[in-house]
Amino acid sequence: MSTLFSRVVLGKTKSISDMGNMQWEIFGCFVLAWILVFVCVFKGIKSAGKVSTATSSVFDEMLEPAKFIRFCL
């Protein structure tokens, strides 16, 4: 697991002179997160509360089957 995290997520290379490749998945998530922050700030605090409530409940519902399967194993 730590090798996966080091190589894939962090993009560590064998030497400091080797910069590695652009990680488009992480970049896309970063841009999406900043777009959500911009929309929340632009719409105001009332809308941000509604967005965070809706997003957290949808995300929680998506993770419930995975939590259940992990609990059963």
PDB file of N, CA and C in Angstrom:
ATOM      1  N   MET A   1       0.820  -1.196   0.000  1.00  0.00           N
ATOM      2  CA  MET A   1       0.000   0.000   0.000  1.00  0.00           C
ATOM      3  C   MET A   1       0.864   1.260   0.000  1.00  0.00           C
ATOM      4  N   SER A   2       1.937   1.253   0.774  1.00  0.00           N
ATOM      5  CA  SER A   2       2.786   2.443   0.825  1.00  0.00           C
ATOM      6  C   SER A   2       3.516   2.663  -0.500  1.00  0.00           C
ATOM      7  N   THR A   3       3.846   1.570  -1.201  1.00  0.00           N
ATOM      8  CA  THR A   3       4.492   1.711  -2.506  1.00  0.00           C
ATOM      9  C   THR A   3       3.532   2.333  -3.507  1.00  0.00           C
ATOM     10  N   LEU A   4       2.274   1.901  -3.479  1.00  0.00           N
ATOM     11  CA  LEU A   4       1.258   2.486  -4.353  1.00  0.00           C
ATOM     12  C   LEU A   4       1.120   3.976  -4.084  1.00  0.00           C
ATOM     13  N   PHE A   5       1.042   4.354  -2.815  1.00  0.00           N
ATOM     14  CA  PHE A   5       0.907   5.758  -2.458  1.00  0.00           C
ATOM     15  C   PHE A   5       2.129   6.553  -2.905  1.00  0.00           C
ATOM     16  N   SER A   6       3.319   6.001  -2.664  1.00  0.00           N
ATOM     17  CA  SER A   6       4.551   6.715  -3.019  1.00  0.00           C
ATOM     18  C   SER A   6       4.714   6.879  -4.522  1.00  0.00           C
ATOM     19  N   ARG A   7       4.460   5.813  -5.265  1.00  0.00           N
ATOM     20  CA  ARG A   7       4.709   5.847  -6.704  1.00  0.00           C
ATOM     21  C   ARG A   7       3.581   6.499  -7.486  1.00  0.00           C
ATOM     22  N   VAL A   8       2.333   6.166  -7.164  1.00  0.00           N
ATOM     23  CA  VAL A   8       1.202   6.630  -7.970  1.00  0.00           C
ATOM     24  C   VAL A   8       0.702   7.996  -7.509  1.00  0.00           C
ATOM     25  N   VAL A   9       0.386   8.127  -6.234  1.00  0.00           N
ATOM     26  CA  VAL A   9      -0.225   9.366  -5.750  1.00  0.00           C
ATOM     27  C   VAL A   9       0.809  10.485  -5.658  1.00  0.00           C
ATOM     28  N   LEU A  10       1.910  10.211  -4.997  1.00  0.00           N
ATOM     29  CA  LEU A  10       2.922  11.247  -4.844  1.00  0.00           C
ATOM     30  C   LEU A  10       3.787  11.399  -6.077  1.00  0.00           C
ATOM     31  N   GLY A  11       3.882  10.356  -6.883  1.00  0.00           N
ATOM     32  CA  GLY A  11       4.687  10.422  -8.095  1.00  0.00           C
ATOM     33  C   GLY A  11       6.180  10.487  -7.823  1.00  0.00           C
ATOM     34  N   LYS A  12       6.632   9.814  -6.777  1.00  0.00           N
ATOM     35  CA  LYS A  12       8.053   9.821  -6.451  1.00  0.00           C
ATOM     36  C   LYS A  12       8.837   9.106  -7.539  1.00  0.00           C
ATOM     37  N   THR A  13       9.988   9.654  -7.861  1.00  0.00           N
ATOM     38  CA  THR A  13      10.877   9.046  -8.847  1.00  0.00           C
ATOM     39  C   THR A  13      12.159   8.603  -8.160  1.00  0.00           C
ATOM     40  N   LYS A  14      13.031   7.948  -8.921  1.00  0.00           N
ATOM     41  CA  LYS A  14      14.257   7.401  -8.332  1.00  0.00           C
ATOM     42  C   LYS A  14      15.288   8.474  -8.007  1.00  0.00           C
ATOM     43  N   SER A  15      15.289   9.559  -8.768  1.00  0.00           N
ATOM     44  CA  SER A  15      16.257  10.613  -8.482  1.00  0.00           C
ATOM     45  C   SER A  15      15.560  11.967  -8.503  1.00  0.00           C
ATOM     46  N   ILE A  16      16.193  12.937  -7.886  1.00  0.00           N
ATOM     47  CA  ILE A  16      15.606  14.270  -7.799  1.00  0.00           C
ATOM     48  C   ILE A  16      15.644  14.992  -9.146  1.00  0.00           C
ATOM     49  N   SER A  17      16.537  14.582 -10.021  1.00  0.00           N
ATOM     50  CA  SER A  17      16.620  15.233 -11.325  1.00  0.00           C
ATOM     51  C   SER A  17      15.515  14.768 -12.282  1.00  0.00           C
ATOM     52  N   ASP A  18      14.900  13.618 -11.990  1.00  0.00           N
ATOM     53  CA  ASP A  18      13.790  13.112 -12.804  1.00  0.00           C
ATOM     54  C   ASP A  18      12.491  13.682 -12.250  1.00  0.00           C
ATOM     55  N   MET A  19      11.860  14.591 -12.995  1.00  0.00           N
ATOM     56  CA  MET A  19      10.672  15.286 -12.506  1.00  0.00           C
ATOM     57  C   MET A  19       9.401  14.448 -12.585  1.00  0.00           C
ATOM     58  N   GLY A  20       9.349  13.432 -13.415  1.00  0.00           N
ATOM     59  CA  GLY A  20       8.152  12.615 -13.546  1.00  0.00           C
ATOM     60  C   GLY A  20       7.155  13.241 -14.505  1.00  0.00           C
ATOM     61  N   ASN A  21       5.979  12.637 -14.574  1.00  0.00           N
ATOM     62  CA  ASN A  21       4.934  13.092 -15.492  1.00  0.00           C
ATOM     63  C   ASN A  21       3.861  13.877 -14.756  1.00  0.00           C
ATOM     64  N   MET A  22       3.061  14.578 -15.541  1.00  0.00           N
ATOM     65  CA  MET A  22       1.913  15.295 -14.988  1.00  0.00           C
ATOM     66  C   MET A  22       0.857  14.273 -14.566  1.00  0.00           C
ATOM     67  N   GLN A  23       0.307  14.430 -13.367  1.00  0.00           N
ATOM     68  CA  GLN A  23      -0.718  13.525 -12.871  1.00  0.00           C
ATOM     69  C   GLN A  23      -2.073  14.193 -13.099  1.00  0.00           C
ATOM     70  N   TRP A  24      -2.692  13.851 -14.221  1.00  0.00           N
ATOM     71  CA  TRP A  24      -3.900  14.530 -14.663  1.00  0.00           C
ATOM     72  C   TRP A  24      -5.088  14.258 -13.758  1.00  0.00           C
ATOM     73  N   GLU A  25      -5.165  13.079 -13.154  1.00  0.00           N
ATOM     74  CA  GLU A  25      -6.286  12.773 -12.269  1.00  0.00           C
ATOM     75  C   GLU A  25      -6.273  13.686 -11.050  1.00  0.00           C
ATOM     76  N   ILE A  26      -5.104  13.845 -10.460  1.00  0.00           N
ATOM     77  CA  ILE A  26      -4.979  14.703  -9.275  1.00  0.00           C
ATOM     78  C   ILE A  26      -5.190  16.167  -9.666  1.00  0.00           C
ATOM     79  N   PHE A  27      -4.666  16.565 -10.807  1.00  0.00           N
ATOM     80  CA  PHE A  27      -4.860  17.931 -11.279  1.00  0.00           C
ATOM     81  C   PHE A  27      -6.345  18.225 -11.520  1.00  0.00           C
ATOM     82  N   GLY A  28      -7.060  17.262 -12.122  1.00  0.00           N
ATOM     83  CA  GLY A  28      -8.496  17.432 -12.363  1.00  0.00           C
ATOM     84  C   GLY A  28      -9.283  17.567 -11.076  1.00  0.00           C
ATOM     85  N   CYS A  29      -8.946  16.758 -10.072  1.00  0.00           N
ATOM     86  CA  CYS A  29      -9.617  16.866  -8.767  1.00  0.00           C
ATOM     87  C   CYS A  29      -9.319  18.208  -8.111  1.00  0.00           C
ATOM     88  N   PHE A  30      -8.095  18.674  -8.247  1.00  0.00           N
ATOM     89  CA  PHE A  30      -7.698  19.966  -7.692  1.00  0.00           C
ATOM     90  C   PHE A  30      -8.489  21.102  -8.326  1.00  0.00           C
ATOM     91  N   VAL A  31      -8.600  21.076  -9.645  1.00  0.00           N
ATOM     92  CA  VAL A  31      -9.354  22.114 -10.358  1.00  0.00           C
ATOM     93  C   VAL A  31     -10.835  22.050  -9.989  1.00  0.00           C
ATOM     94  N   LEU A  32     -11.392  20.857  -9.925  1.00  0.00           N
ATOM     95  CA  LEU A  32     -12.802  20.702  -9.542  1.00  0.00           C
ATOM     96  C   LEU A  32     -13.061  21.231  -8.137  1.00  0.00           C
ATOM     97  N   ALA A  33     -12.147  20.952  -7.220  1.00  0.00           N
ATOM     98  CA  ALA A  33     -12.297  21.453  -5.846  1.00  0.00           C
ATOM     99  C   ALA A  33     -12.289  22.975  -5.816  1.00  0.00           C
ATOM    100  N   TRP A  34     -11.402  23.605  -6.584  1.00  0.00           N
ATOM    101  CA  TRP A  34     -11.350  25.070  -6.593  1.00  0.00           C
ATOM    102  C   TRP A  34     -12.561  25.679  -7.288  1.00  0.00           C
ATOM    103  N   ILE A  35     -13.092  24.993  -8.279  1.00  0.00           N
ATOM    104  CA  ILE A  35     -14.320  25.480  -8.918  1.00  0.00           C
ATOM    105  C   ILE A  35     -15.469  25.436  -7.924  1.00  0.00           C
ATOM    106  N   LEU A  36     -15.566  24.345  -7.145  1.00  0.00           N
ATOM    107  CA  LEU A  36     -16.615  24.254  -6.124  1.00  0.00           C
ATOM    108  C   LEU A  36     -16.453  25.348  -5.067  1.00  0.00           C
ATOM    109  N   VAL A  37     -15.212  25.617  -4.666  1.00  0.00           N
ATOM    110  CA  VAL A  37     -14.967  26.686  -3.687  1.00  0.00           C
ATOM    111  C   VAL A  37     -15.391  28.028  -4.271  1.00  0.00           C
ATOM    112  N   PHE A  38     -15.037  28.293  -5.520  1.00  0.00           N
ATOM    113  CA  PHE A  38     -15.413  29.551  -6.155  1.00  0.00           C
ATOM    114  C   PHE A  38     -16.928  29.706  -6.223  1.00  0.00           C
ATOM    115  N   VAL A  39     -17.620  28.640  -6.619  1.00  0.00           N
ATOM    116  CA  VAL A  39     -19.082  28.702  -6.731  1.00  0.00           C
ATOM    117  C   VAL A  39     -19.703  28.941  -5.363  1.00  0.00           C
ATOM    118  N   CYS A  40     -19.194  28.255  -4.341  1.00  0.00           N
ATOM    119  CA  CYS A  40     -19.734  28.445  -2.994  1.00  0.00           C
ATOM    120  C   CYS A  40     -19.522  29.872  -2.499  1.00  0.00           C
ATOM    121  N   VAL A  41     -18.351  30.418  -2.730  1.00  0.00           N
ATOM    122  CA  VAL A  41     -18.080  31.785  -2.286  1.00  0.00           C
ATOM    123  C   VAL A  41     -18.892  32.781  -3.108  1.00  0.00           C
ATOM    124  N   PHE A  42     -19.017  32.528  -4.398  1.00  0.00           N
ATOM    125  CA  PHE A  42     -19.747  33.428  -5.272  1.00  0.00           C
ATOM    126  C   PHE A  42     -21.242  33.440  -4.940  1.00  0.00           C
ATOM    127  N   LYS A  43     -21.790  32.270  -4.646  1.00  0.00           N
ATOM    128  CA  LYS A  43     -23.223  32.177  -4.348  1.00  0.00           C
ATOM    129  C   LYS A  43     -23.557  32.669  -2.941  1.00  0.00           C
ATOM    130  N   GLY A  44     -22.622  32.605  -2.049  1.00  0.00           N
ATOM    131  CA  GLY A  44     -22.876  33.077  -0.699  1.00  0.00           C
ATOM    132  C   GLY A  44     -22.943  31.947   0.303  1.00  0.00           C
ATOM    133  N   ILE A  45     -23.043  32.319   1.549  1.00  0.00           N
ATOM    134  CA  ILE A  45     -23.004  31.355   2.639  1.00  0.00           C
ATOM    135  C   ILE A  45     -24.248  30.474   2.676  1.00  0.00           C
ATOM    136  N   LYS A  46     -25.425  31.021   2.412  1.00  0.00           N
ATOM    137  CA  LYS A  46     -26.648  30.215   2.447  1.00  0.00           C
ATOM    138  C   LYS A  46     -26.585  29.083   1.430  1.00  0.00           C
ATOM    139  N   SER A  47     -26.183  29.386   0.224  1.00  0.00           N
ATOM    140  CA  SER A  47     -26.081  28.364  -0.817  1.00  0.00           C
ATOM    141  C   SER A  47     -24.972  27.371  -0.505  1.00  0.00           C
ATOM    142  N   ALA A  48     -23.881  27.829   0.100  1.00  0.00           N
ATOM    143  CA  ALA A  48     -22.764  26.939   0.411  1.00  0.00           C
ATOM    144  C   ALA A  48     -23.193  25.872   1.407  1.00  0.00           C
ATOM    145  N   GLY A  49     -24.004  26.234   2.365  1.00  0.00           N
ATOM    146  CA  GLY A  49     -24.508  25.257   3.325  1.00  0.00           C
ATOM    147  C   GLY A  49     -25.360  24.199   2.651  1.00  0.00           C
ATOM    148  N   LYS A  50     -26.198  24.628   1.726  1.00  0.00           N
ATOM    149  CA  LYS A  50     -27.044  23.681   0.998  1.00  0.00           C
ATOM    150  C   LYS A  50     -26.196  22.766   0.118  1.00  0.00           C
ATOM    151  N   VAL A  51     -25.189  23.324  -0.538  1.00  0.00           N
ATOM    152  CA  VAL A  51     -24.323  22.532  -1.412  1.00  0.00           C
ATOM    153  C   VAL A  51     -23.540  21.511  -0.591  1.00  0.00           C
ATOM    154  N   SER A  52     -22.991  21.923   0.531  1.00  0.00           N
ATOM    155  CA  SER A  52     -22.207  20.994   1.344  1.00  0.00           C
ATOM    156  C   SER A  52     -23.075  19.893   1.924  1.00  0.00           C
ATOM    157  N   THR A  53     -24.302  20.216   2.308  1.00  0.00           N
ATOM    158  CA  THR A  53     -25.215  19.198   2.819  1.00  0.00           C
ATOM    159  C   THR A  53     -25.566  18.196   1.731  1.00  0.00           C
ATOM    160  N   ALA A  54     -25.886  18.673   0.557  1.00  0.00           N
ATOM    161  CA  ALA A  54     -26.246  17.779  -0.547  1.00  0.00           C
ATOM    162  C   ALA A  54     -25.057  16.940  -0.971  1.00  0.00           C
ATOM    163  N   THR A  55     -23.877  17.540  -1.057  1.00  0.00           N
ATOM    164  CA  THR A  55     -22.694  16.816  -1.504  1.00  0.00           C
ATOM    165  C   THR A  55     -22.296  15.750  -0.492  1.00  0.00           C
ATOM    166  N   SER A  56     -22.330  16.090   0.783  1.00  0.00           N
ATOM    167  CA  SER A  56     -21.918  15.113   1.791  1.00  0.00           C
ATOM    168  C   SER A  56     -22.889  13.948   1.856  1.00  0.00           C
ATOM    169  N   SER A  57     -24.181  14.199   1.704  1.00  0.00           N
ATOM    170  CA  SER A  57     -25.138  13.096   1.765  1.00  0.00           C
ATOM    171  C   SER A  57     -25.006  12.188   0.545  1.00  0.00           C
ATOM    172  N   VAL A  58     -24.776  12.761  -0.625  1.00  0.00           N
ATOM    173  CA  VAL A  58     -24.599  11.947  -1.834  1.00  0.00           C
ATOM    174  C   VAL A  58     -23.317  11.127  -1.723  1.00  0.00           C
ATOM    175  N   PHE A  59     -22.237  11.727  -1.264  1.00  0.00           N
ATOM    176  CA  PHE A  59     -20.976  11.024  -1.117  1.00  0.00           C
ATOM    177  C   PHE A  59     -21.093   9.899  -0.098  1.00  0.00           C
ATOM    178  N   ASP A  60     -21.810  10.158   0.992  1.00  0.00           N
ATOM    179  CA  ASP A  60     -22.009   9.140   2.019  1.00  0.00           C
ATOM    180  C   ASP A  60     -22.809   7.968   1.472  1.00  0.00           C
ATOM    181  N   GLU A  61     -23.839   8.255   0.686  1.00  0.00           N
ATOM    182  CA  GLU A  61     -24.641   7.179   0.098  1.00  0.00           C
ATOM    183  C   GLU A  61     -23.830   6.347  -0.887  1.00  0.00           C
ATOM    184  N   MET A  62     -22.878   6.959  -1.562  1.00  0.00           N
ATOM    185  CA  MET A  62     -22.041   6.213  -2.504  1.00  0.00           C
ATOM    186  C   MET A  62     -21.075   5.292  -1.762  1.00  0.00           C
ATOM    187  N   LEU A  63     -20.646   5.681  -0.558  1.00  0.00           N
ATOM    188  CA  LEU A  63     -19.678   4.890   0.184  1.00  0.00           C
ATOM    189  C   LEU A  63     -20.309   3.804   1.050  1.00  0.00           C
ATOM    190  N   GLU A  64     -21.595   3.868   1.298  1.00  0.00           N
ATOM    191  CA  GLU A  64     -22.238   2.888   2.167  1.00  0.00           C
ATOM    192  C   GLU A  64     -22.037   1.442   1.722  1.00  0.00           C
ATOM    193  N   PRO A  65     -22.215   1.103   0.433  1.00  0.00           N
ATOM    194  CA  PRO A  65     -21.978  -0.297   0.040  1.00  0.00           C
ATOM    195  C   PRO A  65     -20.536  -0.741   0.295  1.00  0.00           C
ATOM    196  N   ALA A  66     -19.581   0.134   0.051  1.00  0.00           N
ATOM    197  CA  ALA A  66     -18.177  -0.216   0.288  1.00  0.00           C
ATOM    198  C   ALA A  66     -17.918  -0.430   1.778  1.00  0.00           C
ATOM    199  N   LYS A  67     -18.497   0.409   2.614  1.00  0.00           N
ATOM    200  CA  LYS A  67     -18.339   0.239   4.061  1.00  0.00           C
ATOM    201  C   LYS A  67     -18.949  -1.082   4.516  1.00  0.00           C
ATOM    202  N   PHE A  68     -20.114  -1.408   3.976  1.00  0.00           N
ATOM    203  CA  PHE A  68     -20.796  -2.644   4.362  1.00  0.00           C
ATOM    204  C   PHE A  68     -19.987  -3.869   3.951  1.00  0.00           C
ATOM    205  N   ILE A  69     -19.462  -3.858   2.742  1.00  0.00           N
ATOM    206  CA  ILE A  69     -18.674  -4.997   2.258  1.00  0.00           C
ATOM    207  C   ILE A  69     -17.400  -5.141   3.107  1.00  0.00           C
ATOM    208  N   ARG A  70     -16.747  -4.038   3.400  1.00  0.00           N
ATOM    209  CA  ARG A  70     -15.540  -4.105   4.233  1.00  0.00           C
ATOM    210  C   ARG A  70     -15.861  -4.617   5.630  1.00  0.00           C
ATOM    211  N   PHE A  71     -17.001  -4.214   6.175  1.00  0.00           N
ATOM    212  CA  PHE A  71     -17.402  -4.662   7.505  1.00  0.00           C
ATOM    213  C   PHE A  71     -17.669  -6.164   7.512  1.00  0.00           C
ATOM    214  N   CYS A  72     -18.281  -6.667   6.454  1.00  0.00           N
ATOM    215  CA  CYS A  72     -18.611  -8.097   6.378  1.00  0.00           C
ATOM    216  C   CYS A  72     -17.367  -8.961   6.203  1.00  0.00           C
ATOM    217  N   LEU A  73     -16.343  -8.432   5.577  1.00  0.00           N
ATOM    218  CA  LEU A  73     -15.127  -9.229   5.383  1.00  0.00           C
ATOM    219  C   LEU A  73     -14.301  -9.155   6.629  1.00  0.00           C
TER     220      LEU A  73
END
